[in-house]
Amino acid sequence: MKRFEVLGTGCKKCVTTAESIERVAQELGESIEVVKVTDPAKIMEYQVMSTPAVAVDGTVVHSGSIPDHAKIVSWLKA
């Protein structure tokens, strides 16, 4: 099972990002874990300067905007 971490302060874009990942995974029948990381120290460990950011299994794959559907699909299929 893949672990998705949505890195951000809990803003609307961060919430939307987490919801989008969960929705696309459900559409594809993928079992995943989505964790919202709001602790600034933990976010800085990933060296993320722009949120929302997404880490998959500990690797940052996106930052600075809400990822689109195709991008989420590519993470789930990788």
Protein backbone atom coordinates (compact mmCIF):
# COMPACT_ATOMS: atom_id res chain seq x y z
CA MET A 1 0.00 0.00 0.00
CA LYS A 2 1.34 3.40 -0.98
CA ARG A 3 1.59 6.14 1.61
CA PHE A 4 0.75 9.66 0.45
CA GLU A 5 1.70 12.59 2.65
CA VAL A 6 0.07 15.94 1.89
CA LEU A 7 2.41 18.59 3.26
CA GLY A 8 0.91 21.94 4.19
CA THR A 9 -0.62 24.05 6.90
CA GLY A 10 -4.15 22.78 6.41
CA CYS A 11 -5.22 25.42 3.91
CA LYS A 12 -8.04 24.83 1.44
CA LYS A 13 -5.62 23.77 -1.31
CA CYS A 14 -4.04 21.20 1.03
CA VAL A 15 -7.44 19.77 1.94
CA THR A 16 -8.47 19.66 -1.72
CA THR A 17 -5.21 17.89 -2.62
CA ALA A 18 -5.80 15.17 -0.02
CA GLU A 19 -9.42 14.74 -1.12
CA SER A 20 -8.39 14.51 -4.78
CA ILE A 21 -5.82 11.80 -4.08
CA GLU A 22 -8.36 9.80 -2.07
CA ARG A 23 -11.03 10.19 -4.77
CA VAL A 24 -8.77 9.12 -7.65
CA ALA A 25 -7.49 6.13 -5.67
CA GLN A 26 -11.07 5.07 -4.99
CA GLU A 27 -11.96 5.45 -8.69
CA LEU A 28 -9.06 3.17 -9.59
CA GLY A 29 -9.73 0.70 -6.78
CA GLU A 30 -6.32 1.38 -5.23
CA SER A 31 -5.75 0.95 -1.51
CA ILE A 32 -3.65 3.82 -0.15
CA GLU A 33 -2.94 5.72 3.03
CA VAL A 34 -3.25 9.53 3.00
CA VAL A 35 -1.66 11.47 5.85
CA LYS A 36 -1.89 15.24 6.28
CA VAL A 37 1.38 16.68 7.59
CA THR A 38 0.89 20.15 9.10
CA ASP A 39 3.92 20.39 11.40
CA PRO A 40 6.24 23.06 9.89
CA ALA A 41 9.35 21.25 11.19
CA LYS A 42 8.31 18.02 9.46
CA ILE A 43 7.51 19.89 6.25
CA MET A 44 10.96 21.52 6.34
CA GLU A 45 12.57 18.06 6.67
CA TYR A 46 11.31 17.48 3.12
CA GLN A 47 12.84 20.83 2.05
CA VAL A 48 9.49 21.96 0.67
CA MET A 49 9.21 25.70 0.14
CA SER A 50 5.79 25.79 -1.51
CA THR A 51 2.62 24.03 -0.40
CA PRO A 52 0.61 22.00 -0.91
CA ALA A 53 3.23 19.37 -1.53
CA VAL A 54 2.85 15.62 -1.94
CA ALA A 55 5.27 12.90 -0.89
CA VAL A 56 4.75 9.31 -1.99
CA ASP A 57 6.44 6.73 0.21
CA GLY A 58 8.75 9.42 1.59
CA THR A 59 9.73 11.06 -1.71
CA VAL A 60 8.41 14.50 -2.68
CA VAL A 61 6.74 14.25 -6.09
CA HIS A 62 4.89 17.57 -6.28
CA SER A 63 4.74 21.01 -4.68
CA GLY A 64 3.14 24.40 -5.09
CA SER A 65 -0.28 23.57 -6.48
CA ILE A 66 -3.16 21.13 -6.49
CA PRO A 67 -2.06 18.18 -8.66
CA ASP A 68 -4.26 17.34 -11.62
CA HIS A 69 -6.05 14.03 -12.16
CA ALA A 70 -3.50 12.64 -14.63
CA LYS A 71 -0.60 13.34 -12.28
CA ILE A 72 -2.34 11.55 -9.41
CA VAL A 73 -3.08 8.58 -11.66
CA SER A 74 0.60 8.39 -12.63
CA TRP A 75 1.62 8.23 -8.94
CA LEU A 76 -0.88 5.47 -8.27
CA LYS A 77 0.25 3.43 -11.27
CA ALA A 78 4.00 3.84 -10.65
